[in-house]
């Protein structure tokens, strides 16, 4: 006949390591959320930019260049071309990146327009 060992209740796993991991993840995501605040892009708020008036000002950011209202435009001459289309620096300028466009190129265009004094930049998908 077989002799079985005495019945022992199963031990429950400790929750301390799990709680440690949760707190480490919480701290990581709280710190990671703080890094992007000082690098915010100067874009107009959603819907609060006012009414659109004047000629169209659509800047399309391509993977290898720019278009202003459908016409190829050099990045260095973009600001001068937009100045001709606007009455005041508060006029709305719509930025639309095409598929494959680099985020760095879009950021560079936004910074160039903001440095020229344009404050109502709207990013469209």
PDB file of N, CA and C in Angstrom:
ATOM      1  N   UNK A   1       0.828  -1.163   0.000  1.00  0.00           N
ATOM      2  CA  UNK A   1       0.000   0.000   0.000  1.00  0.00           C
ATOM      3  C   UNK A   1       0.888   1.248   0.000  1.00  0.00           C
ATOM      4  N   UNK A   2       0.318   2.340  -0.604  1.00  0.00           N
ATOM      5  CA  UNK A   2       1.059   3.588  -0.706  1.00  0.00           C
ATOM      6  C   UNK A   2       0.802   4.460   0.502  1.00  0.00           C
ATOM      7  N   UNK A   3       1.849   5.163   0.908  1.00  0.00           N
ATOM      8  CA  UNK A   3       1.702   6.114   2.002  1.00  0.00           C
ATOM      9  C   UNK A   3       1.893   7.512   1.393  1.00  0.00           C
ATOM     10  N   UNK A   4       0.850   8.282   1.499  1.00  0.00           N
ATOM     11  CA  UNK A   4       0.911   9.637   0.953  1.00  0.00           C
ATOM     12  C   UNK A   4       1.339  10.616   2.027  1.00  0.00           C
ATOM     13  N   UNK A   5       1.990  11.699   1.607  1.00  0.00           N
ATOM     14  CA  UNK A   5       2.423  12.723   2.557  1.00  0.00           C
ATOM     15  C   UNK A   5       1.197  13.459   3.085  1.00  0.00           C
ATOM     16  N   UNK A   6       1.370  14.047   4.214  1.00  0.00           N
ATOM     17  CA  UNK A   6       0.267  14.788   4.839  1.00  0.00           C
ATOM     18  C   UNK A   6      -0.106  15.982   3.962  1.00  0.00           C
ATOM     19  N   UNK A   7      -1.353  16.307   3.907  1.00  0.00           N
ATOM     20  CA  UNK A   7      -1.860  17.408   3.091  1.00  0.00           C
ATOM     21  C   UNK A   7      -1.372  18.738   3.654  1.00  0.00           C
ATOM     22  N   UNK A   8      -0.769  19.539   2.764  1.00  0.00           N
ATOM     23  CA  UNK A   8      -0.337  20.882   3.149  1.00  0.00           C
ATOM     24  C   UNK A   8      -1.107  21.873   2.283  1.00  0.00           C
ATOM     25  N   UNK A   9      -1.627  22.918   2.884  1.00  0.00           N
ATOM     26  CA  UNK A   9      -2.313  23.932   2.063  1.00  0.00           C
ATOM     27  C   UNK A   9      -1.291  24.664   1.176  1.00  0.00           C
ATOM     28  N   UNK A  10      -1.704  25.032  -0.024  1.00  0.00           N
ATOM     29  CA  UNK A  10      -0.816  25.725  -0.953  1.00  0.00           C
ATOM     30  C   UNK A  10      -0.542  27.142  -0.464  1.00  0.00           C
ATOM     31  N   UNK A  11       0.678  27.581  -0.648  1.00  0.00           N
ATOM     32  CA  UNK A  11       1.038  28.939  -0.259  1.00  0.00           C
ATOM     33  C   UNK A  11       0.568  29.908  -1.333  1.00  0.00           C
ATOM     34  N   UNK A  12       0.046  31.018  -0.902  1.00  0.00           N
ATOM     35  CA  UNK A  12      -0.344  32.073  -1.838  1.00  0.00           C
ATOM     36  C   UNK A  12       0.882  32.886  -2.191  1.00  0.00           C
ATOM     37  N   UNK A  13       1.007  33.286  -3.450  1.00  0.00           N
ATOM     38  CA  UNK A  13       2.190  34.081  -3.819  1.00  0.00           C
ATOM     39  C   UNK A  13       2.143  35.448  -3.133  1.00  0.00           C
ATOM     40  N   UNK A  14       3.321  35.959  -2.805  1.00  0.00           N
ATOM     41  CA  UNK A  14       3.403  37.268  -2.161  1.00  0.00           C
ATOM     42  C   UNK A  14       3.114  38.383  -3.157  1.00  0.00           C
ATOM     43  N   UNK A  15       2.434  39.405  -2.719  1.00  0.00           N
ATOM     44  CA  UNK A  15       2.073  40.524  -3.582  1.00  0.00           C
ATOM     45  C   UNK A  15       3.091  41.670  -3.522  1.00  0.00           C
ATOM     46  N   UNK A  16       4.057  41.577  -2.647  1.00  0.00           N
ATOM     47  CA  UNK A  16       5.027  42.662  -2.507  1.00  0.00           C
ATOM     48  C   UNK A  16       5.810  42.929  -3.792  1.00  0.00           C
ATOM     49  N   UNK A  17       6.348  41.920  -4.484  1.00  0.00           N
ATOM     50  CA  UNK A  17       7.052  42.219  -5.743  1.00  0.00           C
ATOM     51  C   UNK A  17       6.135  42.828  -6.802  1.00  0.00           C
ATOM     52  N   UNK A  18       4.901  42.395  -6.848  1.00  0.00           N
ATOM     53  CA  UNK A  18       3.956  42.949  -7.814  1.00  0.00           C
ATOM     54  C   UNK A  18       3.673  44.423  -7.509  1.00  0.00           C
ATOM     55  N   UNK A  19       3.511  44.763  -6.265  1.00  0.00           N
ATOM     56  CA  UNK A  19       3.270  46.153  -5.873  1.00  0.00           C
ATOM     57  C   UNK A  19       4.490  47.010  -6.187  1.00  0.00           C
ATOM     58  N   UNK A  20       5.694  46.466  -5.973  1.00  0.00           N
ATOM     59  CA  UNK A  20       6.912  47.205  -6.312  1.00  0.00           C
ATOM     60  C   UNK A  20       6.968  47.520  -7.801  1.00  0.00           C
ATOM     61  N   UNK A  21       6.641  46.560  -8.624  1.00  0.00           N
ATOM     62  CA  UNK A  21       6.669  46.771 -10.069  1.00  0.00           C
ATOM     63  C   UNK A  21       5.637  47.819 -10.477  1.00  0.00           C
ATOM     64  N   UNK A  22       4.456  47.779  -9.899  1.00  0.00           N
ATOM     65  CA  UNK A  22       3.416  48.756 -10.223  1.00  0.00           C
ATOM     66  C   UNK A  22       3.872  50.167  -9.851  1.00  0.00           C
ATOM     67  N   UNK A  23       4.491  50.331  -8.708  1.00  0.00           N
ATOM     68  CA  UNK A  23       4.962  51.655  -8.309  1.00  0.00           C
ATOM     69  C   UNK A  23       6.108  52.134  -9.197  1.00  0.00           C
ATOM     70  N   UNK A  24       6.997  51.240  -9.599  1.00  0.00           N
ATOM     71  CA  UNK A  24       8.069  51.629 -10.513  1.00  0.00           C
ATOM     72  C   UNK A  24       7.506  52.081 -11.858  1.00  0.00           C
ATOM     73  N   UNK A  25       6.510  51.375 -12.372  1.00  0.00           N
ATOM     74  CA  UNK A  25       5.875  51.789 -13.625  1.00  0.00           C
ATOM     75  C   UNK A  25       5.173  53.134 -13.466  1.00  0.00           C
ATOM     76  N   UNK A  26       4.524  53.332 -12.344  1.00  0.00           N
ATOM     77  CA  UNK A  26       3.851  54.594 -12.085  1.00  0.00           C
ATOM     78  C   UNK A  26       4.850  55.757 -12.076  1.00  0.00           C
ATOM     79  N   UNK A  27       5.958  55.586 -11.397  1.00  0.00           N
ATOM     80  CA  UNK A  27       6.986  56.632 -11.347  1.00  0.00           C
ATOM     81  C   UNK A  27       7.563  56.880 -12.738  1.00  0.00           C
ATOM     82  N   UNK A  28       7.810  55.804 -13.496  1.00  0.00           N
ATOM     83  CA  UNK A  28       8.359  55.952 -14.844  1.00  0.00           C
ATOM     84  C   UNK A  28       7.432  56.775 -15.729  1.00  0.00           C
ATOM     85  N   UNK A  29       6.146  56.451 -15.753  1.00  0.00           N
ATOM     86  CA  UNK A  29       5.227  57.163 -16.624  1.00  0.00           C
ATOM     87  C   UNK A  29       4.966  58.593 -16.146  1.00  0.00           C
ATOM     88  N   UNK A  30       5.027  58.831 -14.852  1.00  0.00           N
ATOM     89  CA  UNK A  30       4.885  60.204 -14.366  1.00  0.00           C
ATOM     90  C   UNK A  30       6.067  61.059 -14.808  1.00  0.00           C
ATOM     91  N   UNK A  31       7.273  60.512 -14.760  1.00  0.00           N
ATOM     92  CA  UNK A  31       8.445  61.261 -15.194  1.00  0.00           C
ATOM     93  C   UNK A  31       8.474  61.423 -16.707  1.00  0.00           C
ATOM     94  N   UNK A  32       8.084  60.394 -17.431  1.00  0.00           N
ATOM     95  CA  UNK A  32       8.090  60.473 -18.895  1.00  0.00           C
ATOM     96  C   UNK A  32       7.078  61.491 -19.395  1.00  0.00           C
ATOM     97  N   UNK A  33       5.997  61.692 -18.685  1.00  0.00           N
ATOM     98  CA  UNK A  33       4.982  62.658 -19.104  1.00  0.00           C
ATOM     99  C   UNK A  33       5.474  64.091 -18.932  1.00  0.00           C
ATOM    100  N   UNK A  34       6.470  64.320 -18.119  1.00  0.00           N
ATOM    101  CA  UNK A  34       6.968  65.661 -17.860  1.00  0.00           C
ATOM    102  C   UNK A  34       7.956  66.145 -18.912  1.00  0.00           C
ATOM    103  N   UNK A  35       8.554  65.251 -19.686  1.00  0.00           N
ATOM    104  CA  UNK A  35       9.631  65.643 -20.587  1.00  0.00           C
ATOM    105  C   UNK A  35       9.151  66.470 -21.764  1.00  0.00           C
ATOM    106  N   UNK A  36       7.934  66.310 -22.237  1.00  0.00           N
ATOM    107  CA  UNK A  36       7.485  66.990 -23.434  1.00  0.00           C
ATOM    108  C   UNK A  36       6.879  68.356 -23.208  1.00  0.00           C
ATOM    109  N   UNK A  37       6.760  68.801 -21.985  1.00  0.00           N
ATOM    110  CA  UNK A  37       6.066  70.067 -21.732  1.00  0.00           C
ATOM    111  C   UNK A  37       6.831  71.277 -22.243  1.00  0.00           C
ATOM    112  N   UNK A  38       8.140  71.298 -22.136  1.00  0.00           N
ATOM    113  CA  UNK A  38       8.894  72.467 -22.557  1.00  0.00           C
ATOM    114  C   UNK A  38       9.116  72.500 -24.062  1.00  0.00           C
ATOM    115  N   UNK A  39       8.760  71.433 -24.763  1.00  0.00           N
ATOM    116  CA  UNK A  39       8.940  71.379 -26.207  1.00  0.00           C
ATOM    117  C   UNK A  39       7.597  71.441 -26.941  1.00  0.00           C
ATOM    118  N   UNK A  40       6.596  72.063 -26.357  1.00  0.00           N
ATOM    119  CA  UNK A  40       5.284  72.147 -26.986  1.00  0.00           C
ATOM    120  C   UNK A  40       5.349  73.014 -28.231  1.00  0.00           C
ATOM    121  N   UNK A  41       4.643  72.595 -29.259  1.00  0.00           N
ATOM    122  CA  UNK A  41       4.621  73.346 -30.507  1.00  0.00           C
ATOM    123  C   UNK A  41       3.610  74.479 -30.416  1.00  0.00           C
ATOM    124  N   UNK A  42       3.917  75.641 -30.965  1.00  0.00           N
ATOM    125  CA  UNK A  42       3.000  76.785 -30.871  1.00  0.00           C
ATOM    126  C   UNK A  42       1.884  76.682 -31.909  1.00  0.00           C
ATOM    127  N   UNK A  43       0.904  75.845 -31.636  1.00  0.00           N
ATOM    128  CA  UNK A  43      -0.220  75.674 -32.543  1.00  0.00           C
ATOM    129  C   UNK A  43      -1.464  76.312 -31.950  1.00  0.00           C
ATOM    130  N   UNK A  44      -2.374  76.735 -32.805  1.00  0.00           N
ATOM    131  CA  UNK A  44      -3.629  77.325 -32.342  1.00  0.00           C
ATOM    132  C   UNK A  44      -4.482  76.251 -31.696  1.00  0.00           C
ATOM    133  N   UNK A  45      -5.290  76.641 -30.721  1.00  0.00           N
ATOM    134  CA  UNK A  45      -6.168  75.703 -30.041  1.00  0.00           C
ATOM    135  C   UNK A  45      -7.250  75.183 -30.965  1.00  0.00           C
ATOM    136  N   UNK A  46      -7.807  74.045 -30.617  1.00  0.00           N
ATOM    137  CA  UNK A  46      -8.815  73.420 -31.461  1.00  0.00           C
ATOM    138  C   UNK A  46     -10.079  74.247 -31.541  1.00  0.00           C
ATOM    139  N   UNK A  47     -10.340  74.843 -32.676  1.00  0.00           N
ATOM    140  CA  UNK A  47     -11.562  75.595 -32.887  1.00  0.00           C
ATOM    141  C   UNK A  47     -11.526  77.008 -32.357  1.00  0.00           C
ATOM    142  N   UNK A  48     -10.529  77.372 -31.588  1.00  0.00           N
ATOM    143  CA  UNK A  48     -10.485  78.701 -31.006  1.00  0.00           C
ATOM    144  C   UNK A  48      -9.680  79.689 -31.830  1.00  0.00           C
ATOM    145  N   UNK A  49      -9.323  79.332 -33.036  1.00  0.00           N
ATOM    146  CA  UNK A  49      -8.441  80.179 -33.822  1.00  0.00           C
ATOM    147  C   UNK A  49      -9.188  81.298 -34.534  1.00  0.00           C
ATOM    148  N   UNK A  50     -10.489  81.287 -34.539  1.00  0.00           N
ATOM    149  CA  UNK A  50     -11.237  82.352 -35.182  1.00  0.00           C
ATOM    150  C   UNK A  50     -11.694  81.949 -36.575  1.00  0.00           C
ATOM    151  N   UNK A  51     -12.322  82.898 -37.272  1.00  0.00           N
ATOM    152  CA  UNK A  51     -12.822  82.632 -38.609  1.00  0.00           C
ATOM    153  C   UNK A  51     -11.708  82.788 -39.625  1.00  0.00           C
ATOM    154  N   UNK A  52     -11.768  81.947 -40.637  1.00  0.00           N
ATOM    155  CA  UNK A  52     -10.774  81.989 -41.697  1.00  0.00           C
ATOM    156  C   UNK A  52     -11.174  83.058 -42.692  1.00  0.00           C
ATOM    157  N   UNK A  53     -10.241  83.940 -43.019  1.00  0.00           N
ATOM    158  CA  UNK A  53     -10.523  85.009 -43.970  1.00  0.00           C
ATOM    159  C   UNK A  53      -9.321  85.195 -44.874  1.00  0.00           C
ATOM    160  N   UNK A  54      -9.564  85.675 -46.080  1.00  0.00           N
ATOM    161  CA  UNK A  54      -8.478  85.958 -47.005  1.00  0.00           C
ATOM    162  C   UNK A  54      -8.198  84.789 -47.924  1.00  0.00           C
ATOM    163  N   UNK A  55      -7.108  84.874 -48.668  1.00  0.00           N
ATOM    164  CA  UNK A  55      -6.766  83.810 -49.605  1.00  0.00           C
ATOM    165  C   UNK A  55      -6.350  82.545 -48.855  1.00  0.00           C
ATOM    166  N   UNK A  56      -6.390  81.406 -49.524  1.00  0.00           N
ATOM    167  CA  UNK A  56      -5.986  80.166 -48.852  1.00  0.00           C
ATOM    168  C   UNK A  56      -4.503  80.175 -48.524  1.00  0.00           C
ATOM    169  N   UNK A  57      -4.180  79.601 -47.371  1.00  0.00           N
ATOM    170  CA  UNK A  57      -2.800  79.485 -46.926  1.00  0.00           C
ATOM    171  C   UNK A  57      -2.589  78.067 -46.412  1.00  0.00           C
ATOM    172  N   UNK A  58      -2.481  77.124 -47.341  1.00  0.00           N
ATOM    173  CA  UNK A  58      -2.305  75.714 -47.000  1.00  0.00           C
ATOM    174  C   UNK A  58      -0.871  75.308 -47.317  1.00  0.00           C
ATOM    175  N   UNK A  59      -0.144  74.965 -46.268  1.00  0.00           N
ATOM    176  CA  UNK A  59       1.234  74.502 -46.425  1.00  0.00           C
ATOM    177  C   UNK A  59       1.209  72.986 -46.293  1.00  0.00           C
ATOM    178  N   UNK A  60       1.562  72.293 -47.378  1.00  0.00           N
ATOM    179  CA  UNK A  60       1.618  70.836 -47.370  1.00  0.00           C
ATOM    180  C   UNK A  60       3.081  70.430 -47.207  1.00  0.00           C
ATOM    181  N   UNK A  61       3.343  69.664 -46.151  1.00  0.00           N
ATOM    182  CA  UNK A  61       4.703  69.208 -45.866  1.00  0.00           C
ATOM    183  C   UNK A  61       4.863  67.835 -46.508  1.00  0.00           C
ATOM    184  N   UNK A  62       5.752  67.750 -47.483  1.00  0.00           N
ATOM    185  CA  UNK A  62       6.012  66.512 -48.216  1.00  0.00           C
ATOM    186  C   UNK A  62       7.270  65.839 -47.670  1.00  0.00           C
ATOM    187  N   UNK A  63       7.486  64.567 -48.000  1.00  0.00           N
ATOM    188  CA  UNK A  63       8.720  63.921 -47.541  1.00  0.00           C
ATOM    189  C   UNK A  63       9.990  64.586 -48.068  1.00  0.00           C
ATOM    190  N   UNK A  64       9.894  65.234 -49.235  1.00  0.00           N
ATOM    191  CA  UNK A  64      11.092  65.826 -49.820  1.00  0.00           C
ATOM    192  C   UNK A  64      10.938  67.304 -50.173  1.00  0.00           C
ATOM    193  N   UNK A  65       9.942  67.971 -49.637  1.00  0.00           N
ATOM    194  CA  UNK A  65       9.768  69.386 -49.940  1.00  0.00           C
ATOM    195  C   UNK A  65       8.499  69.957 -49.324  1.00  0.00           C
ATOM    196  N   UNK A  66       8.106  71.119 -49.841  1.00  0.00           N
ATOM    197  CA  UNK A  66       6.917  71.819 -49.349  1.00  0.00           C
ATOM    198  C   UNK A  66       6.077  72.271 -50.530  1.00  0.00           C
ATOM    199  N   UNK A  67       4.791  72.428 -50.266  1.00  0.00           N
ATOM    200  CA  UNK A  67       3.892  73.050 -51.229  1.00  0.00           C
ATOM    201  C   UNK A  67       3.087  74.115 -50.497  1.00  0.00           C
ATOM    202  N   UNK A  68       2.945  75.252 -51.131  1.00  0.00           N
ATOM    203  CA  UNK A  68       2.087  76.315 -50.622  1.00  0.00           C
ATOM    204  C   UNK A  68       0.932  76.454 -51.602  1.00  0.00           C
ATOM    205  N   UNK A  69      -0.250  76.096 -51.143  1.00  0.00           N
ATOM    206  CA  UNK A  69      -1.459  76.105 -51.974  1.00  0.00           C
ATOM    207  C   UNK A  69      -1.275  75.268 -53.239  1.00  0.00           C
ATOM    208  N   UNK A  70      -0.588  74.135 -53.129  1.00  0.00           N
ATOM    209  CA  UNK A  70      -0.413  73.217 -54.245  1.00  0.00           C
ATOM    210  C   UNK A  70       0.771  73.508 -55.135  1.00  0.00           C
ATOM    211  N   UNK A  71       1.502  74.575 -54.886  1.00  0.00           N
ATOM    212  CA  UNK A  71       2.658  74.950 -55.713  1.00  0.00           C
ATOM    213  C   UNK A  71       3.928  74.655 -54.924  1.00  0.00           C
ATOM    214  N   UNK A  72       4.891  73.970 -55.573  1.00  0.00           N
ATOM    215  CA  UNK A  72       6.160  73.664 -54.916  1.00  0.00           C
ATOM    216  C   UNK A  72       6.806  74.949 -54.406  1.00  0.00           C
ATOM    217  N   UNK A  73       7.346  74.880 -53.207  1.00  0.00           N
ATOM    218  CA  UNK A  73       7.913  76.070 -52.567  1.00  0.00           C
ATOM    219  C   UNK A  73       9.195  75.665 -51.857  1.00  0.00           C
ATOM    220  N   UNK A  74      10.234  76.447 -51.982  1.00  0.00           N
ATOM    221  CA  UNK A  74      11.473  76.212 -51.234  1.00  0.00           C
ATOM    222  C   UNK A  74      11.238  76.599 -49.778  1.00  0.00           C
ATOM    223  N   UNK A  75      11.833  75.835 -48.881  1.00  0.00           N
ATOM    224  CA  UNK A  75      11.627  76.098 -47.450  1.00  0.00           C
ATOM    225  C   UNK A  75      12.148  77.470 -47.049  1.00  0.00           C
ATOM    226  N   UNK A  76      13.213  77.921 -47.674  1.00  0.00           N
ATOM    227  CA  UNK A  76      13.790  79.223 -47.343  1.00  0.00           C
ATOM    228  C   UNK A  76      12.885  80.377 -47.784  1.00  0.00           C
ATOM    229  N   UNK A  77      12.079  80.175 -48.816  1.00  0.00           N
ATOM    230  CA  UNK A  77      11.216  81.238 -49.339  1.00  0.00           C
ATOM    231  C   UNK A  77       9.773  81.122 -48.862  1.00  0.00           C
ATOM    232  N   UNK A  78       9.505  80.165 -47.983  1.00  0.00           N
ATOM    233  CA  UNK A  78       8.130  79.937 -47.523  1.00  0.00           C
ATOM    234  C   UNK A  78       7.575  81.137 -46.768  1.00  0.00           C
ATOM    235  N   UNK A  79       8.343  81.691 -45.846  1.00  0.00           N
ATOM    236  CA  UNK A  79       7.859  82.804 -45.034  1.00  0.00           C
ATOM    237  C   UNK A  79       7.540  84.013 -45.911  1.00  0.00           C
ATOM    238  N   UNK A  80       8.406  84.318 -46.865  1.00  0.00           N
ATOM    239  CA  UNK A  80       8.160  85.464 -47.746  1.00  0.00           C
ATOM    240  C   UNK A  80       6.909  85.251 -48.584  1.00  0.00           C
ATOM    241  N   UNK A  81       6.673  84.027 -49.031  1.00  0.00           N
ATOM    242  CA  UNK A  81       5.469  83.745 -49.823  1.00  0.00           C
ATOM    243  C   UNK A  81       4.212  83.846 -48.975  1.00  0.00           C
ATOM    244  N   UNK A  82       4.279  83.442 -47.713  1.00  0.00           N
ATOM    245  CA  UNK A  82       3.102  83.531 -46.838  1.00  0.00           C
ATOM    246  C   UNK A  82       2.845  84.970 -46.436  1.00  0.00           C
ATOM    247  N   UNK A  83       3.874  85.760 -46.263  1.00  0.00           N
ATOM    248  CA  UNK A  83       3.686  87.182 -45.943  1.00  0.00           C
ATOM    249  C   UNK A  83       2.879  87.864 -47.041  1.00  0.00           C
ATOM    250  N   UNK A  84       3.105  87.472 -48.299  1.00  0.00           N
ATOM    251  CA  UNK A  84       2.341  88.050 -49.410  1.00  0.00           C
ATOM    252  C   UNK A  84       0.864  87.663 -49.361  1.00  0.00           C
ATOM    253  N   UNK A  85       0.541  86.531 -48.715  1.00  0.00           N
ATOM    254  CA  UNK A  85      -0.844  86.049 -48.663  1.00  0.00           C
ATOM    255  C   UNK A  85      -1.592  86.499 -47.415  1.00  0.00           C
ATOM    256  N   UNK A  86      -0.914  87.053 -46.447  1.00  0.00           N
ATOM    257  CA  UNK A  86      -1.554  87.419 -45.184  1.00  0.00           C
ATOM    258  C   UNK A  86      -1.632  88.923 -45.013  1.00  0.00           C
ATOM    259  N   UNK A  87      -2.618  89.345 -44.227  1.00  0.00           N
ATOM    260  CA  UNK A  87      -2.754  90.760 -43.894  1.00  0.00           C
ATOM    261  C   UNK A  87      -2.104  91.065 -42.545  1.00  0.00           C
ATOM    262  N   UNK A  88      -2.284  90.140 -41.588  1.00  0.00           N
ATOM    263  CA  UNK A  88      -1.700  90.308 -40.259  1.00  0.00           C
ATOM    264  C   UNK A  88      -1.064  88.983 -39.836  1.00  0.00           C
ATOM    265  N   UNK A  89      -0.165  89.007 -38.855  1.00  0.00           N
ATOM    266  CA  UNK A  89       0.419  87.754 -38.365  1.00  0.00           C
ATOM    267  C   UNK A  89      -0.593  86.853 -37.656  1.00  0.00           C
ATOM    268  N   UNK A  90      -1.775  87.378 -37.343  1.00  0.00           N
ATOM    269  CA  UNK A  90      -2.793  86.572 -36.679  1.00  0.00           C
ATOM    270  C   UNK A  90      -3.638  85.765 -37.662  1.00  0.00           C
ATOM    271  N   UNK A  91      -3.403  85.907 -38.966  1.00  0.00           N
ATOM    272  CA  UNK A  91      -4.151  85.122 -39.951  1.00  0.00           C
ATOM    273  C   UNK A  91      -3.824  83.636 -39.793  1.00  0.00           C
ATOM    274  N   UNK A  92      -4.805  82.807 -40.112  1.00  0.00           N
ATOM    275  CA  UNK A  92      -4.655  81.366 -39.942  1.00  0.00           C
ATOM    276  C   UNK A  92      -3.837  80.778 -41.083  1.00  0.00           C
ATOM    277  N   UNK A  93      -2.906  79.914 -40.713  1.00  0.00           N
ATOM    278  CA  UNK A  93      -2.116  79.155 -41.690  1.00  0.00           C
ATOM    279  C   UNK A  93      -2.344  77.678 -41.380  1.00  0.00           C
ATOM    280  N   UNK A  94      -2.779  76.928 -42.382  1.00  0.00           N
ATOM    281  CA  UNK A  94      -3.076  75.512 -42.201  1.00  0.00           C
ATOM    282  C   UNK A  94      -1.874  74.694 -42.659  1.00  0.00           C
ATOM    283  N   UNK A  95      -1.417  73.812 -41.791  1.00  0.00           N
ATOM    284  CA  UNK A  95      -0.299  72.921 -42.084  1.00  0.00           C
ATOM    285  C   UNK A  95      -0.834  71.496 -42.221  1.00  0.00           C
ATOM    286  N   UNK A  96      -0.459  70.824 -43.311  1.00  0.00           N
ATOM    287  CA  UNK A  96      -0.920  69.448 -43.513  1.00  0.00           C
ATOM    288  C   UNK A  96       0.256  68.575 -43.942  1.00  0.00           C
ATOM    289  N   UNK A  97       0.680  67.651 -43.088  1.00  0.00           N
ATOM    290  CA  UNK A  97       1.756  66.738 -43.490  1.00  0.00           C
ATOM    291  C   UNK A  97       1.201  65.608 -44.357  1.00  0.00           C
ATOM    292  N   UNK A  98       1.903  65.287 -45.425  1.00  0.00           N
ATOM    293  CA  UNK A  98       1.528  64.160 -46.277  1.00  0.00           C
ATOM    294  C   UNK A  98       2.075  62.870 -45.675  1.00  0.00           C
ATOM    295  N   UNK A  99       1.578  61.734 -46.164  1.00  0.00           N
ATOM    296  CA  UNK A  99       2.100  60.446 -45.713  1.00  0.00           C
ATOM    297  C   UNK A  99       3.582  60.353 -46.030  1.00  0.00           C
ATOM    298  N   UNK A 100       4.350  59.930 -45.054  1.00  0.00           N
ATOM    299  CA  UNK A 100       5.791  59.795 -45.233  1.00  0.00           C
ATOM    300  C   UNK A 100       6.574  61.044 -44.893  1.00  0.00           C
ATOM    301  N   UNK A 101       5.878  62.139 -44.575  1.00  0.00           N
ATOM    302  CA  UNK A 101       6.585  63.372 -44.214  1.00  0.00           C
ATOM    303  C   UNK A 101       7.245  63.200 -42.847  1.00  0.00           C
ATOM    304  N   UNK A 102       8.413  63.750 -42.718  1.00  0.00           N
ATOM    305  CA  UNK A 102       9.194  63.635 -41.504  1.00  0.00           C
ATOM    306  C   UNK A 102       8.671  64.622 -40.458  1.00  0.00           C
ATOM    307  N   UNK A 103       8.564  64.168 -39.224  1.00  0.00           N
ATOM    308  CA  UNK A 103       8.098  65.042 -38.146  1.00  0.00           C
ATOM    309  C   UNK A 103       9.094  66.179 -37.916  1.00  0.00           C
ATOM    310  N   UNK A 104      10.371  65.904 -38.122  1.00  0.00           N
ATOM    311  CA  UNK A 104      11.382  66.947 -37.956  1.00  0.00           C
ATOM    312  C   UNK A 104      11.186  68.064 -38.974  1.00  0.00           C
ATOM    313  N   UNK A 105      10.840  67.707 -40.208  1.00  0.00           N
ATOM    314  CA  UNK A 105      10.581  68.729 -41.230  1.00  0.00           C
ATOM    315  C   UNK A 105       9.361  69.564 -40.837  1.00  0.00           C
ATOM    316  N   UNK A 106       8.298  68.914 -40.355  1.00  0.00           N
ATOM    317  CA  UNK A 106       7.105  69.637 -39.918  1.00  0.00           C
ATOM    318  C   UNK A 106       7.438  70.574 -38.761  1.00  0.00           C
ATOM    319  N   UNK A 107       8.214  70.096 -37.811  1.00  0.00           N
ATOM    320  CA  UNK A 107       8.606  70.929 -36.669  1.00  0.00           C
ATOM    321  C   UNK A 107       9.444  72.112 -37.124  1.00  0.00           C
ATOM    322  N   UNK A 108      10.339  71.896 -38.075  1.00  0.00           N
ATOM    323  CA  UNK A 108      11.172  72.972 -38.588  1.00  0.00           C
ATOM    324  C   UNK A 108      10.323  74.046 -39.275  1.00  0.00           C
ATOM    325  N   UNK A 109       9.301  73.630 -40.030  1.00  0.00           N
ATOM    326  CA  UNK A 109       8.409  74.591 -40.690  1.00  0.00           C
ATOM    327  C   UNK A 109       7.619  75.379 -39.648  1.00  0.00           C
ATOM    328  N   UNK A 110       7.122  74.700 -38.629  1.00  0.00           N
ATOM    329  CA  UNK A 110       6.362  75.379 -37.570  1.00  0.00           C
ATOM    330  C   UNK A 110       7.247  76.390 -36.847  1.00  0.00           C
ATOM    331  N   UNK A 111       8.464  75.996 -36.522  1.00  0.00           N
ATOM    332  CA  UNK A 111       9.372  76.913 -35.833  1.00  0.00           C
ATOM    333  C   UNK A 111       9.723  78.107 -36.711  1.00  0.00           C
ATOM    334  N   UNK A 112       9.907  77.879 -38.008  1.00  0.00           N
ATOM    335  CA  UNK A 112      10.234  78.970 -38.930  1.00  0.00           C
ATOM    336  C   UNK A 112       9.072  79.962 -39.019  1.00  0.00           C
ATOM    337  N   UNK A 113       7.848  79.454 -39.095  1.00  0.00           N
ATOM    338  CA  UNK A 113       6.680  80.338 -39.168  1.00  0.00           C
ATOM    339  C   UNK A 113       6.462  81.073 -37.848  1.00  0.00           C
ATOM    340  N   UNK A 114       6.671  80.376 -36.730  1.00  0.00           N
ATOM    341  CA  UNK A 114       6.513  81.021 -35.424  1.00  0.00           C
ATOM    342  C   UNK A 114       7.573  82.104 -35.226  1.00  0.00           C
ATOM    343  N   UNK A 115       8.796  81.874 -35.701  1.00  0.00           N
ATOM    344  CA  UNK A 115       9.843  82.877 -35.579  1.00  0.00           C
ATOM    345  C   UNK A 115       9.539  84.108 -36.433  1.00  0.00           C
ATOM    346  N   UNK A 116       8.767  83.912 -37.512  1.00  0.00           N
ATOM    347  CA  UNK A 116       8.382  85.040 -38.362  1.00  0.00           C
ATOM    348  C   UNK A 116       7.207  85.813 -37.774  1.00  0.00           C
ATOM    349  N   UNK A 117       6.625  85.323 -36.673  1.00  0.00           N
ATOM    350  CA  UNK A 117       5.553  86.051 -36.007  1.00  0.00           C
ATOM    351  C   UNK A 117       4.161  85.508 -36.242  1.00  0.00           C
ATOM    352  N   UNK A 118       4.010  84.437 -36.993  1.00  0.00           N
ATOM    353  CA  UNK A 118       2.681  83.863 -37.221  1.00  0.00           C
ATOM    354  C   UNK A 118       2.269  83.059 -35.997  1.00  0.00           C
ATOM    355  N   UNK A 119       1.083  83.377 -35.474  1.00  0.00           N
ATOM    356  CA  UNK A 119       0.668  82.765 -34.206  1.00  0.00           C
ATOM    357  C   UNK A 119      -0.484  81.773 -34.369  1.00  0.00           C
ATOM    358  N   UNK A 120      -1.240  81.839 -35.439  1.00  0.00           N
ATOM    359  CA  UNK A 120      -2.375  80.934 -35.634  1.00  0.00           C
ATOM    360  C   UNK A 120      -2.021  79.867 -36.664  1.00  0.00           C
ATOM    361  N   UNK A 121      -1.308  78.860 -36.194  1.00  0.00           N
ATOM    362  CA  UNK A 121      -0.941  77.717 -37.027  1.00  0.00           C
ATOM    363  C   UNK A 121      -1.858  76.558 -36.678  1.00  0.00           C
ATOM    364  N   UNK A 122      -2.512  76.001 -37.682  1.00  0.00           N
ATOM    365  CA  UNK A 122      -3.457  74.914 -37.451  1.00  0.00           C
ATOM    366  C   UNK A 122      -2.923  73.685 -38.157  1.00  0.00           C
ATOM    367  N   UNK A 123      -2.797  72.582 -37.427  1.00  0.00           N
ATOM    368  CA  UNK A 123      -2.301  71.333 -37.968  1.00  0.00           C
ATOM    369  C   UNK A 123      -3.487  70.471 -38.383  1.00  0.00           C
ATOM    370  N   UNK A 124      -3.565  70.119 -39.661  1.00  0.00           N
ATOM    371  CA  UNK A 124      -4.655  69.298 -40.186  1.00  0.00           C
ATOM    372  C   UNK A 124      -4.104  67.950 -40.605  1.00  0.00           C
ATOM    373  N   UNK A 125      -4.939  66.927 -40.452  1.00  0.00           N
ATOM    374  CA  UNK A 125      -4.524  65.587 -40.869  1.00  0.00           C
ATOM    375  C   UNK A 125      -4.827  65.368 -42.322  1.00  0.00           C
TER     376      UNK A 125
END
